[in-house]
PDB file of N, CA and C in Angstrom:
ATOM      1  N   MET A   1      55.372  80.735 106.050  1.00  0.00           N
ATOM      2  CA  MET A   1      56.683  80.345 105.594  1.00  0.00           C
ATOM      3  C   MET A   1      57.074  79.026 106.252  1.00  0.00           C
ATOM      4  N   SER A   2      57.505  78.102 105.460  1.00  0.00           N
ATOM      5  CA  SER A   2      57.936  76.835 106.041  1.00  0.00           C
ATOM      6  C   SER A   2      59.366  76.969 106.547  1.00  0.00           C
ATOM      7  N   GLU A   3      59.739  75.976 107.335  1.00  0.00           N
ATOM      8  CA  GLU A   3      61.070  76.019 107.930  1.00  0.00           C
ATOM      9  C   GLU A   3      62.169  75.882 106.878  1.00  0.00           C
ATOM     10  N   ASN A   4      61.907  75.186 105.797  1.00  0.00           N
ATOM     11  CA  ASN A   4      62.910  75.017 104.737  1.00  0.00           C
ATOM     12  C   ASN A   4      63.172  76.310 103.979  1.00  0.00           C
ATOM     13  N   ASN A   5      62.208  77.199 103.906  1.00  0.00           N
ATOM     14  CA  ASN A   5      62.400  78.447 103.179  1.00  0.00           C
ATOM     15  C   ASN A   5      63.077  79.524 104.009  1.00  0.00           C
ATOM     16  N   ASN A   6      63.197  79.341 105.317  1.00  0.00           N
ATOM     17  CA  ASN A   6      63.815  80.361 106.164  1.00  0.00           C
ATOM     18  C   ASN A   6      65.286  80.573 105.826  1.00  0.00           C
ATOM     19  N   HIS A   7      66.011  79.509 105.531  1.00  0.00           N
ATOM     20  CA  HIS A   7      67.427  79.682 105.217  1.00  0.00           C
ATOM     21  C   HIS A   7      67.632  80.296 103.837  1.00  0.00           C
ATOM     22  N   LYS A   8      66.652  80.246 102.989  1.00  0.00           N
ATOM     23  CA  LYS A   8      66.769  80.873 101.666  1.00  0.00           C
ATOM     24  C   LYS A   8      66.729  82.397 101.764  1.00  0.00           C
ATOM     25  N   ASN A   9      66.091  82.937 102.805  1.00  0.00           N
ATOM     26  CA  ASN A   9      65.985  84.387 102.969  1.00  0.00           C
ATOM     27  C   ASN A   9      67.186  84.985 103.684  1.00  0.00           C
ATOM     28  N   PHE A  10      68.079  84.144 104.186  1.00  0.00           N
ATOM     29  CA  PHE A  10      69.251  84.645 104.895  1.00  0.00           C
ATOM     30  C   PHE A  10      70.185  85.310 103.888  1.00  0.00           C
ATOM     31  N   PRO A  11      70.684  86.509 104.171  1.00  0.00           N
ATOM     32  CA  PRO A  11      71.450  87.255 103.160  1.00  0.00           C
ATOM     33  C   PRO A  11      72.784  86.627 102.754  1.00  0.00           C
ATOM     34  N   VAL A  12      73.398  85.845 103.636  1.00  0.00           N
ATOM     35  CA  VAL A  12      74.675  85.210 103.278  1.00  0.00           C
ATOM     36  C   VAL A  12      74.534  83.705 103.457  1.00  0.00           C
ATOM     37  N   GLY A  13      75.240  82.962 102.625  1.00  0.00           N
ATOM     38  CA  GLY A  13      75.193  81.511 102.690  1.00  0.00           C
ATOM     39  C   GLY A  13      76.286  80.946 103.573  1.00  0.00           C
ATOM     40  N   LYS A  14      76.347  79.634 103.627  1.00  0.00           N
ATOM     41  CA  LYS A  14      77.346  78.958 104.461  1.00  0.00           C
ATOM     42  C   LYS A  14      78.760  79.243 103.979  1.00  0.00           C
ATOM     43  N   LYS A  15      78.952  79.285 102.672  1.00  0.00           N
ATOM     44  CA  LYS A  15      80.289  79.570 102.146  1.00  0.00           C
ATOM     45  C   LYS A  15      80.727  80.978 102.525  1.00  0.00           C
ATOM     46  N   ASN A  16      79.801  81.919 102.513  1.00  0.00           N
ATOM     47  CA  ASN A  16      80.131  83.282 102.927  1.00  0.00           C
ATOM     48  C   ASN A  16      80.506  83.313 104.412  1.00  0.00           C
ATOM     49  N   LEU A  17      79.789  82.558 105.226  1.00  0.00           N
ATOM     50  CA  LEU A  17      80.095  82.527 106.652  1.00  0.00           C
ATOM     51  C   LEU A  17      81.463  81.916 106.911  1.00  0.00           C
ATOM     52  N   VAL A  18      81.828  80.904 106.146  1.00  0.00           N
ATOM     53  CA  VAL A  18      83.161  80.305 106.293  1.00  0.00           C
ATOM     54  C   VAL A  18      84.232  81.318 105.898  1.00  0.00           C
ATOM     55  N   LEU A  19      84.012  82.035 104.796  1.00  0.00           N
ATOM     56  CA  LEU A  19      84.969  83.066 104.383  1.00  0.00           C
ATOM     57  C   LEU A  19      85.068  84.182 105.421  1.00  0.00           C
ATOM     58  N   MET A  20      83.947  84.531 106.039  1.00  0.00           N
ATOM     59  CA  MET A  20      83.959  85.555 107.083  1.00  0.00           C
ATOM     60  C   MET A  20      84.747  85.079 108.299  1.00  0.00           C
ATOM     61  N   ALA A  21      84.615  83.811 108.655  1.00  0.00           N
ATOM     62  CA  ALA A  21      85.380  83.269 109.786  1.00  0.00           C
ATOM     63  C   ALA A  21      86.871  83.276 109.477  1.00  0.00           C
ATOM     64  N   ILE A  22      87.232  82.914 108.244  1.00  0.00           N
ATOM     65  CA  ILE A  22      88.647  82.937 107.847  1.00  0.00           C
ATOM     66  C   ILE A  22      89.198  84.353 107.900  1.00  0.00           C
ATOM     67  N   SER A  23      88.425  85.325 107.425  1.00  0.00           N
ATOM     68  CA  SER A  23      88.906  86.712 107.457  1.00  0.00           C
ATOM     69  C   SER A  23      89.017  87.213 108.888  1.00  0.00           C
ATOM     70  N   PHE A  24      88.125  86.775 109.774  1.00  0.00           N
ATOM     71  CA  PHE A  24      88.229  87.165 111.181  1.00  0.00           C
ATOM     72  C   PHE A  24      89.519  86.624 111.791  1.00  0.00           C
ATOM     73  N   VAL A  25      89.882  85.395 111.455  1.00  0.00           N
ATOM     74  CA  VAL A  25      91.130  84.812 111.956  1.00  0.00           C
ATOM     75  C   VAL A  25      92.329  85.587 111.406  1.00  0.00           C
ATOM     76  N   ILE A  26      92.276  86.000 110.145  1.00  0.00           N
ATOM     77  CA  ILE A  26      93.370  86.783 109.558  1.00  0.00           C
ATOM     78  C   ILE A  26      93.512  88.121 110.281  1.00  0.00           C
ATOM     79  N   ILE A  27      92.402  88.760 110.614  1.00  0.00           N
ATOM     80  CA  ILE A  27      92.441  90.034 111.342  1.00  0.00           C
ATOM     81  C   ILE A  27      93.085  89.832 112.711  1.00  0.00           C
ATOM     82  N   ILE A  28      92.694  88.768 113.411  1.00  0.00           N
ATOM     83  CA  ILE A  28      93.265  88.481 114.732  1.00  0.00           C
ATOM     84  C   ILE A  28      94.766  88.226 114.619  1.00  0.00           C
ATOM     85  N   ILE A  29      95.187  87.492 113.587  1.00  0.00           N
ATOM     86  CA  ILE A  29      96.625  87.243 113.391  1.00  0.00           C
ATOM     87  C   ILE A  29      97.372  88.562 113.187  1.00  0.00           C
ATOM     88  N   GLY A  30      96.779  89.485 112.434  1.00  0.00           N
ATOM     89  CA  GLY A  30      97.406  90.793 112.237  1.00  0.00           C
ATOM     90  C   GLY A  30      97.567  91.560 113.532  1.00  0.00           C
ATOM     91  N   PHE A  31      96.543  91.514 114.387  1.00  0.00           N
ATOM     92  CA  PHE A  31      96.646  92.201 115.668  1.00  0.00           C
ATOM     93  C   PHE A  31      97.669  91.531 116.580  1.00  0.00           C
ATOM     94  N   VAL A  32      97.760  90.212 116.532  1.00  0.00           N
ATOM     95  CA  VAL A  32      98.764  89.505 117.338  1.00  0.00           C
ATOM     96  C   VAL A  32     100.165  89.864 116.862  1.00  0.00           C
ATOM     97  N   LEU A  33     100.339  90.027 115.550  1.00  0.00           N
ATOM     98  CA  LEU A  33     101.653  90.429 115.033  1.00  0.00           C
ATOM     99  C   LEU A  33     102.053  91.823 115.514  1.00  0.00           C
ATOM    100  N   MET A  34     101.070  92.663 115.812  1.00  0.00           N
ATOM    101  CA  MET A  34     101.384  94.009 116.292  1.00  0.00           C
ATOM    102  C   MET A  34     101.722  94.036 117.780  1.00  0.00           C
ATOM    103  N   LEU A  35     101.441  92.948 118.482  1.00  0.00           N
ATOM    104  CA  LEU A  35     101.746  92.903 119.910  1.00  0.00           C
ATOM    105  C   LEU A  35     103.244  92.804 120.143  1.00  0.00           C
ATOM    106  N   GLY A  36     103.657  93.186 121.318  1.00  0.00           N
ATOM    107  CA  GLY A  36     105.053  93.080 121.683  1.00  0.00           C
ATOM    108  C   GLY A  36     105.191  92.954 123.184  1.00  0.00           C
ATOM    109  N   PRO A  37     106.395  92.733 123.647  1.00  0.00           N
ATOM    110  CA  PRO A  37     106.608  92.561 125.085  1.00  0.00           C
ATOM    111  C   PRO A  37     106.445  93.880 125.838  1.00  0.00           C
ATOM    112  N   ASN A  38     106.064  93.744 127.105  1.00  0.00           N
ATOM    113  CA  ASN A  38     106.024  94.925 127.978  1.00  0.00           C
ATOM    114  C   ASN A  38     107.440  95.389 128.257  1.00  0.00           C
ATOM    115  N   SER A  39     107.568  96.661 128.506  1.00  0.00           N
ATOM    116  CA  SER A  39     108.884  97.214 128.771  1.00  0.00           C
ATOM    117  C   SER A  39     108.785  98.209 129.916  1.00  0.00           C
ATOM    118  N   ASP A  40     109.766  98.146 130.797  1.00  0.00           N
ATOM    119  CA  ASP A  40     109.846  99.111 131.895  1.00  0.00           C
ATOM    120  C   ASP A  40     110.713 100.300 131.520  1.00  0.00           C
ATOM    121  N   GLN A  41     111.292 100.243 130.330  1.00  0.00           N
ATOM    122  CA  GLN A  41     112.139 101.334 129.877  1.00  0.00           C
ATOM    123  C   GLN A  41     111.288 102.528 129.464  1.00  0.00           C
ATOM    124  N   ALA A  42     111.878 103.706 129.513  1.00  0.00           N
ATOM    125  CA  ALA A  42     111.184 104.905 129.057  1.00  0.00           C
ATOM    126  C   ALA A  42     111.023 104.874 127.542  1.00  0.00           C
ATOM    127  N   PHE A  43     112.003 104.315 126.855  1.00  0.00           N
ATOM    128  CA  PHE A  43     111.934 104.205 125.395  1.00  0.00           C
ATOM    129  C   PHE A  43     112.350 102.800 124.991  1.00  0.00           C
ATOM    130  N   ASN A  44     111.506 102.151 124.223  1.00  0.00           N
ATOM    131  CA  ASN A  44     111.804 100.808 123.750  1.00  0.00           C
ATOM    132  C   ASN A  44     111.862 100.837 122.224  1.00  0.00           C
ATOM    133  N   PRO A  45     113.042 100.652 121.640  1.00  0.00           N
ATOM    134  CA  PRO A  45     113.150 100.719 120.183  1.00  0.00           C
ATOM    135  C   PRO A  45     112.418  99.574 119.463  1.00  0.00           C
ATOM    136  N   ASP A  46     111.984  98.546 120.195  1.00  0.00           N
ATOM    137  CA  ASP A  46     111.282  97.426 119.581  1.00  0.00           C
ATOM    138  C   ASP A  46     109.907  97.832 119.041  1.00  0.00           C
ATOM    139  N   ILE A  47     109.382  98.973 119.469  1.00  0.00           N
ATOM    140  CA  ILE A  47     108.078  99.394 118.957  1.00  0.00           C
ATOM    141  C   ILE A  47     108.151  99.774 117.488  1.00  0.00           C
ATOM    142  N   PHE A  48     109.346  99.998 116.968  1.00  0.00           N
ATOM    143  CA  PHE A  48     109.522 100.359 115.567  1.00  0.00           C
ATOM    144  C   PHE A  48     109.963  99.172 114.718  1.00  0.00           C
ATOM    145  N   SER A  49     109.729  97.946 115.190  1.00  0.00           N
ATOM    146  CA  SER A  49     110.152  96.783 114.417  1.00  0.00           C
ATOM    147  C   SER A  49     109.286  96.651 113.166  1.00  0.00           C
ATOM    148  N   PHE A  50     109.851  96.047 112.145  1.00  0.00           N
ATOM    149  CA  PHE A  50     109.164  95.875 110.865  1.00  0.00           C
ATOM    150  C   PHE A  50     107.883  95.072 111.032  1.00  0.00           C
ATOM    151  N   ARG A  51     107.930  94.058 111.898  1.00  0.00           N
ATOM    152  CA  ARG A  51     106.759  93.206 112.125  1.00  0.00           C
ATOM    153  C   ARG A  51     105.611  93.995 112.738  1.00  0.00           C
ATOM    154  N   ARG A  52     105.899  94.857 113.693  1.00  0.00           N
ATOM    155  CA  ARG A  52     104.848  95.598 114.395  1.00  0.00           C
ATOM    156  C   ARG A  52     104.340  96.801 113.615  1.00  0.00           C
ATOM    157  N   ILE A  53     105.172  97.398 112.805  1.00  0.00           N
ATOM    158  CA  ILE A  53     104.793  98.615 112.095  1.00  0.00           C
ATOM    159  C   ILE A  53     104.247  98.329 110.694  1.00  0.00           C
ATOM    160  N   THR A  54     104.765  97.299 110.032  1.00  0.00           N
ATOM    161  CA  THR A  54     104.390  97.068 108.641  1.00  0.00           C
ATOM    162  C   THR A  54     103.597  95.773 108.443  1.00  0.00           C
ATOM    163  N   VAL A  55     104.133  94.655 108.900  1.00  0.00           N
ATOM    164  CA  VAL A  55     103.520  93.359 108.616  1.00  0.00           C
ATOM    165  C   VAL A  55     102.158  93.223 109.300  1.00  0.00           C
ATOM    166  N   GLY A  56     102.085  93.531 110.579  1.00  0.00           N
ATOM    167  CA  GLY A  56     100.832  93.399 111.323  1.00  0.00           C
ATOM    168  C   GLY A  56      99.692  94.233 110.747  1.00  0.00           C
ATOM    169  N   PRO A  57      99.902  95.522 110.524  1.00  0.00           N
ATOM    170  CA  PRO A  57      98.822  96.319 109.920  1.00  0.00           C
ATOM    171  C   PRO A  57      98.430  95.874 108.518  1.00  0.00           C
ATOM    172  N   MET A  58      99.389  95.427 107.706  1.00  0.00           N
ATOM    173  CA  MET A  58      99.057  94.966 106.363  1.00  0.00           C
ATOM    174  C   MET A  58      98.233  93.679 106.403  1.00  0.00           C
ATOM    175  N   VAL A  59      98.569  92.771 107.324  1.00  0.00           N
ATOM    176  CA  VAL A  59      97.798  91.538 107.469  1.00  0.00           C
ATOM    177  C   VAL A  59      96.379  91.864 107.939  1.00  0.00           C
ATOM    178  N   SER A  60      96.257  92.778 108.897  1.00  0.00           N
ATOM    179  CA  SER A  60      94.930  93.170 109.369  1.00  0.00           C
ATOM    180  C   SER A  60      94.125  93.854 108.266  1.00  0.00           C
ATOM    181  N   LEU A  61      94.759  94.719 107.510  1.00  0.00           N
ATOM    182  CA  LEU A  61      94.075  95.385 106.406  1.00  0.00           C
ATOM    183  C   LEU A  61      93.585  94.363 105.382  1.00  0.00           C
ATOM    184  N   PHE A  62      94.427  93.386 105.058  1.00  0.00           N
ATOM    185  CA  PHE A  62      94.009  92.335 104.137  1.00  0.00           C
ATOM    186  C   PHE A  62      92.809  91.579 104.709  1.00  0.00           C
ATOM    187  N   GLY A  63      92.810  91.325 106.022  1.00  0.00           N
ATOM    188  CA  GLY A  63      91.687  90.642 106.648  1.00  0.00           C
ATOM    189  C   GLY A  63      90.399  91.440 106.545  1.00  0.00           C
ATOM    190  N   PHE A  64      90.483  92.753 106.736  1.00  0.00           N
ATOM    191  CA  PHE A  64      89.288  93.598 106.627  1.00  0.00           C
ATOM    192  C   PHE A  64      88.773  93.656 105.186  1.00  0.00           C
ATOM    193  N   VAL A  65      89.679  93.750 104.225  1.00  0.00           N
ATOM    194  CA  VAL A  65      89.267  93.760 102.814  1.00  0.00           C
ATOM    195  C   VAL A  65      88.657  92.414 102.441  1.00  0.00           C
ATOM    196  N   PHE A  66      89.258  91.337 102.932  1.00  0.00           N
ATOM    197  CA  PHE A  66      88.729  90.007 102.660  1.00  0.00           C
ATOM    198  C   PHE A  66      87.362  89.817 103.313  1.00  0.00           C
ATOM    199  N   MET A  67      87.123  90.460 104.460  1.00  0.00           N
ATOM    200  CA  MET A  67      85.817  90.396 105.126  1.00  0.00           C
ATOM    201  C   MET A  67      84.752  91.052 104.249  1.00  0.00           C
ATOM    202  N   ILE A  68      85.076  92.185 103.641  1.00  0.00           N
ATOM    203  CA  ILE A  68      84.128  92.847 102.736  1.00  0.00           C
ATOM    204  C   ILE A  68      83.817  91.933 101.556  1.00  0.00           C
ATOM    205  N   PHE A  69      84.852  91.307 101.002  1.00  0.00           N
ATOM    206  CA  PHE A  69      84.641  90.365  99.909  1.00  0.00           C
ATOM    207  C   PHE A  69      83.766  89.197 100.353  1.00  0.00           C
ATOM    208  N   ALA A  70      84.023  88.666 101.544  1.00  0.00           N
ATOM    209  CA  ALA A  70      83.265  87.513 102.047  1.00  0.00           C
ATOM    210  C   ALA A  70      81.791  87.858 102.243  1.00  0.00           C
ATOM    211  N   ILE A  71      81.503  89.074 102.626  1.00  0.00           N
ATOM    212  CA  ILE A  71      80.115  89.480 102.833  1.00  0.00           C
ATOM    213  C   ILE A  71      79.429  89.744 101.501  1.00  0.00           C
ATOM    214  N   MET A  72      80.109  90.393 100.585  1.00  0.00           N
ATOM    215  CA  MET A  72      79.478  90.851  99.353  1.00  0.00           C
ATOM    216  C   MET A  72      79.417  89.806  98.236  1.00  0.00           C
ATOM    217  N   TYR A  73      80.303  88.828  98.242  1.00  0.00           N
ATOM    218  CA  TYR A  73      80.392  87.898  97.117  1.00  0.00           C
ATOM    219  C   TYR A  73      79.167  86.992  97.067  1.00  0.00           C
ATOM    220  N   LYS A  74      78.623  86.829  95.890  1.00  0.00           N
ATOM    221  CA  LYS A  74      77.462  85.957  95.663  1.00  0.00           C
ATOM    222  C   LYS A  74      77.937  84.776  94.832  1.00  0.00           C
ATOM    223  N   PHE A  75      77.864  83.584  95.409  1.00  0.00           N
ATOM    224  CA  PHE A  75      78.286  82.389  94.706  1.00  0.00           C
ATOM    225  C   PHE A  75      77.271  82.034  93.628  1.00  0.00           C
ATOM    226  N   LYS A  76      77.754  81.494  92.526  1.00  0.00           N
ATOM    227  CA  LYS A  76      76.883  81.206  91.394  1.00  0.00           C
ATOM    228  C   LYS A  76      76.212  79.836  91.491  1.00  0.00           C
ATOM    229  N   ASP A  77      76.789  78.913  92.259  1.00  0.00           N
ATOM    230  CA  ASP A  77      76.194  77.585  92.333  1.00  0.00           C
ATOM    231  C   ASP A  77      74.984  77.561  93.268  1.00  0.00           C
ATOM    232  N   LYS A  78      74.147  76.579  93.071  1.00  0.00           N
ATOM    233  CA  LYS A  78      72.896  76.517  93.828  1.00  0.00           C
ATOM    234  C   LYS A  78      73.084  75.907  95.209  1.00  0.00           C
ATOM    235  N   ASP A  79      74.160  75.177  95.464  1.00  0.00           N
ATOM    236  CA  ASP A  79      74.335  74.530  96.760  1.00  0.00           C
ATOM    237  C   ASP A  79      75.125  75.414  97.715  1.00  0.00           C
ATOM    238  N   ASN A  80      74.856  76.700  97.733  1.00  0.00           N
ATOM    239  CA  ASN A  80      75.517  77.647  98.632  1.00  0.00           C
ATOM    240  C   ASN A  80      74.957  77.548 100.050  1.00  0.00           C
ATOM    241  N   ASP A  81      73.785  76.924 100.217  1.00  0.00           N
ATOM    242  CA  ASP A  81      73.188  76.874 101.555  1.00  0.00           C
ATOM    243  C   ASP A  81      73.839  75.869 102.397  1.00  0.00           C
TER     244      ASP A  81
END
């Protein structure tokens, strides 16, 4: 096998890797949205904020779904490498 043919056998192309990196960043943003300040109180009502309970998990879920798409999608053009 020549060195030029090695990249042809790789299961995902460069565009897929870029999409995977973007989805990884989206997942990280979702987890950051779920973060909150430390509290010394026994009960902190901020844990039930809309951002931490709804927005963060939905952004992370979208990132995971987009990761599956980024891995599975096969581009039709020949310059995918």
